[in-house]
Amino acid sequence: MMKKNLFKRLRAGFSLIEVNMAIFVLAGGALALLGLFPLGLRESLAARNEMRVAAFAERFINAARVAASDVEKVASVEDLRSALEGSPFNFTVSTDAGDADDENANKDDSGVYYRAWVIQDPDWQSENLDDKQIAQVGVQVTAENAQQNKRALLMAPVYVVRVIIEGQQ
């Protein structure tokens, strides 16, 4: 009987095959977790770029609203365009809302590429505008390099707002 207990004690523990299987299972789980890191980094970069684009578009649209509300300096659509291009805004503004391409892309200090325009709103029809004009202010923004990627501005979101220019009375 003593020999039987001694034999059981000698056989207690894990075999080499069991240890190898446990290592392979743990290694597979670790590799799966490591595979998630590049995905997380890519999504983090995309979210950061989306935030930069949205912040730039909001800054541009708010600048257009502020400039349009300055009755002493802005009396026409051309004055609004000039006000946005001048200090303190310093945007590059086009005279039309034509097709987006890489040659019309401007780079901002924040690293976004954009194409902005201010035009007389062709769709707005009202008989009681008096001395007022309606301008369409738009911006198309992307975080991709629009000079290298020709489709960057074509795929970029467009932000448009209509502003009323009251002019001097």
Protein backbone atom coordinates (compact mmCIF):
# COMPACT_ATOMS: atom_id res chain seq x y z
CA MET A 1 0.00 0.00 0.00
CA MET A 2 2.84 2.30 0.73
CA LYS A 3 4.23 1.68 -2.72
CA LYS A 4 0.89 2.64 -4.27
CA ASN A 5 0.78 6.04 -2.48
CA LEU A 6 4.39 6.70 -3.40
CA PHE A 7 3.64 5.91 -7.04
CA LYS A 8 0.66 8.36 -7.02
CA ARG A 9 2.82 11.10 -5.55
CA LEU A 10 5.45 10.65 -8.20
CA ARG A 11 2.81 10.88 -10.94
CA ALA A 12 1.20 14.06 -9.52
CA GLY A 13 1.73 17.31 -11.54
CA PHE A 14 1.43 18.40 -15.17
CA SER A 15 2.87 16.69 -18.17
CA LEU A 16 4.98 18.51 -20.76
CA ILE A 17 2.13 18.35 -23.29
CA GLU A 18 -0.29 20.01 -20.86
CA VAL A 19 2.20 22.80 -20.13
CA ASN A 20 2.79 23.38 -23.85
CA MET A 21 -0.96 23.54 -24.55
CA ALA A 22 -1.45 26.11 -21.78
CA ILE A 23 1.38 28.25 -23.20
CA PHE A 24 -0.12 28.07 -26.70
CA VAL A 25 -3.55 29.12 -25.44
CA LEU A 26 -2.09 32.06 -23.50
CA ALA A 27 0.08 33.09 -26.46
CA GLY A 28 -2.95 33.04 -28.78
CA GLY A 29 -4.91 35.29 -26.41
CA ALA A 30 -1.97 37.68 -26.07
CA LEU A 31 -1.57 37.92 -29.85
CA ALA A 32 -5.28 38.64 -30.25
CA LEU A 33 -5.01 41.48 -27.73
CA LEU A 34 -1.92 42.87 -29.47
CA GLY A 35 -3.85 42.83 -32.75
CA LEU A 36 -6.37 45.30 -31.28
CA PHE A 37 -3.78 48.02 -30.66
CA PRO A 38 -3.32 49.12 -34.32
CA LEU A 39 -7.10 49.22 -34.75
CA GLY A 40 -7.46 51.40 -31.66
CA LEU A 41 -4.70 53.74 -32.83
CA ARG A 42 -6.27 54.06 -36.28
CA GLU A 43 -9.69 54.83 -34.81
CA SER A 44 -8.15 57.34 -32.40
CA LEU A 45 -6.43 59.16 -35.29
CA ALA A 46 -9.66 59.20 -37.31
CA ALA A 47 -11.60 60.64 -34.36
CA ARG A 48 -8.94 63.32 -33.82
CA ASN A 49 -9.10 64.29 -37.51
CA GLU A 50 -12.89 64.48 -37.40
CA MET A 51 -12.69 66.78 -34.40
CA ARG A 52 -10.19 69.06 -36.17
CA VAL A 53 -12.40 69.22 -39.27
CA ALA A 54 -15.55 69.98 -37.27
CA ALA A 55 -13.76 72.62 -35.18
CA PHE A 56 -12.42 74.33 -38.30
CA ALA A 57 -15.83 74.31 -40.00
CA GLU A 58 -17.49 75.73 -36.87
CA ARG A 59 -14.80 78.43 -36.62
CA PHE A 60 -15.31 79.40 -40.27
CA ILE A 61 -19.12 79.49 -40.07
CA ASN A 62 -19.03 81.51 -36.84
CA ALA A 63 -16.53 83.92 -38.39
CA ALA A 64 -18.92 84.43 -41.31
CA ARG A 65 -21.81 85.15 -38.93
CA VAL A 66 -19.71 87.63 -36.96
CA ALA A 67 -18.45 89.35 -40.10
CA ALA A 68 -21.98 89.58 -41.56
CA SER A 69 -23.27 91.20 -38.38
CA ASP A 70 -20.73 94.07 -38.63
CA VAL A 71 -23.02 96.61 -40.32
CA GLU A 72 -20.37 99.34 -40.57
CA LYS A 73 -17.89 97.23 -42.56
CA VAL A 74 -20.05 94.70 -44.44
CA ALA A 75 -22.68 96.06 -46.82
CA SER A 76 -22.46 93.47 -49.62
CA VAL A 77 -21.41 89.93 -50.43
CA GLU A 78 -18.05 91.20 -51.69
CA ASP A 79 -17.50 93.01 -48.38
CA LEU A 80 -18.25 89.79 -46.50
CA ARG A 81 -15.73 87.90 -48.61
CA SER A 82 -13.13 90.61 -48.00
CA ALA A 83 -13.86 90.63 -44.26
CA LEU A 84 -13.33 86.86 -44.04
CA GLU A 85 -10.05 87.11 -45.94
CA GLY A 86 -8.78 90.01 -43.83
CA SER A 87 -7.72 90.18 -40.24
CA PRO A 88 -8.69 88.70 -37.75
CA PHE A 89 -10.12 85.75 -39.71
CA ASN A 90 -7.46 85.21 -42.45
CA PHE A 91 -9.32 82.58 -44.48
CA THR A 92 -8.87 82.09 -48.21
CA VAL A 93 -12.30 82.48 -49.78
CA SER A 94 -13.33 81.67 -53.34
CA THR A 95 -15.82 83.56 -55.46
CA ASP A 96 -17.75 80.47 -56.53
CA ALA A 97 -18.98 77.15 -55.20
CA GLY A 98 -17.67 75.13 -58.14
CA ASP A 99 -16.28 71.62 -58.14
CA ALA A 100 -13.76 70.79 -55.47
CA ASP A 101 -10.30 69.81 -56.59
CA ASP A 102 -6.82 69.75 -55.19
CA GLU A 103 -5.84 73.08 -56.79
CA ASN A 104 -8.52 74.94 -54.79
CA ALA A 105 -7.41 73.45 -51.49
CA ASN A 106 -5.96 75.76 -48.88
CA LYS A 107 -4.08 74.57 -45.82
CA ASP A 108 -4.86 76.02 -42.42
CA ASP A 109 -2.45 76.25 -39.49
CA SER A 110 -4.44 73.51 -37.73
CA GLY A 111 -3.46 71.02 -40.46
CA VAL A 112 -6.78 70.80 -42.29
CA TYR A 113 -7.30 71.41 -45.99
CA TYR A 114 -10.33 73.42 -46.98
CA ARG A 115 -12.13 75.18 -49.79
CA ALA A 116 -14.37 78.06 -48.78
CA TRP A 117 -16.74 80.26 -50.73
CA VAL A 118 -19.08 83.19 -50.25
CA ILE A 119 -21.66 83.81 -52.96
CA GLN A 120 -24.91 85.68 -53.43
CA ASP A 121 -27.54 83.08 -52.60
CA PRO A 122 -29.26 82.27 -55.92
CA ASP A 123 -32.16 80.35 -54.37
CA TRP A 124 -33.32 83.00 -51.92
CA GLN A 125 -36.29 84.98 -53.26
CA SER A 126 -38.05 87.50 -51.10
CA GLU A 127 -39.77 90.74 -51.90
CA ASN A 128 -39.44 92.38 -48.52
CA LEU A 129 -35.65 92.26 -48.21
CA ASP A 130 -35.36 96.06 -48.50
CA ASP A 131 -31.64 96.80 -48.24
CA LYS A 132 -30.64 93.27 -47.21
CA GLN A 133 -28.76 90.63 -49.15
CA ILE A 134 -28.60 86.91 -48.53
CA ALA A 135 -25.19 85.27 -48.85
CA GLN A 136 -24.40 81.59 -48.94
CA VAL A 137 -21.25 80.85 -46.99
CA GLY A 138 -19.81 77.39 -47.42
CA VAL A 139 -16.72 75.43 -46.53
CA GLN A 140 -15.54 71.97 -47.44
CA VAL A 141 -12.96 70.58 -45.03
CA THR A 142 -10.78 67.48 -44.87
CA ALA A 143 -7.89 66.35 -42.69
CA GLU A 144 -6.32 64.43 -45.57
CA ASN A 145 -3.65 66.04 -47.70
CA ALA A 146 -5.68 67.42 -50.60
CA GLN A 147 -2.58 68.05 -52.72
CA GLN A 148 -1.58 64.37 -52.55
CA ASN A 149 -5.05 62.80 -52.54
CA LYS A 150 -7.10 64.28 -55.38
CA ARG A 151 -10.35 62.86 -54.02
CA ALA A 152 -9.91 64.23 -50.49
CA LEU A 153 -12.03 67.35 -51.07
CA LEU A 154 -14.54 65.51 -53.25
CA MET A 155 -15.33 63.16 -50.37
CA ALA A 156 -15.15 65.85 -47.67
CA PRO A 157 -18.30 67.10 -45.91
CA VAL A 158 -19.74 70.46 -46.93
CA TYR A 159 -20.93 72.95 -44.32
CA VAL A 160 -23.18 75.74 -45.61
CA VAL A 161 -24.98 78.59 -43.87
CA ARG A 162 -27.04 81.49 -45.16
CA VAL A 163 -26.33 84.86 -43.61
CA ILE A 164 -28.25 88.10 -43.96
CA ILE A 165 -26.20 91.15 -44.83
CA GLU A 166 -28.13 94.16 -43.71
CA GLY A 167 -25.92 96.86 -45.14
CA GLN A 168 -26.01 100.49 -44.07
CA GLN A 169 -29.37 102.22 -44.05
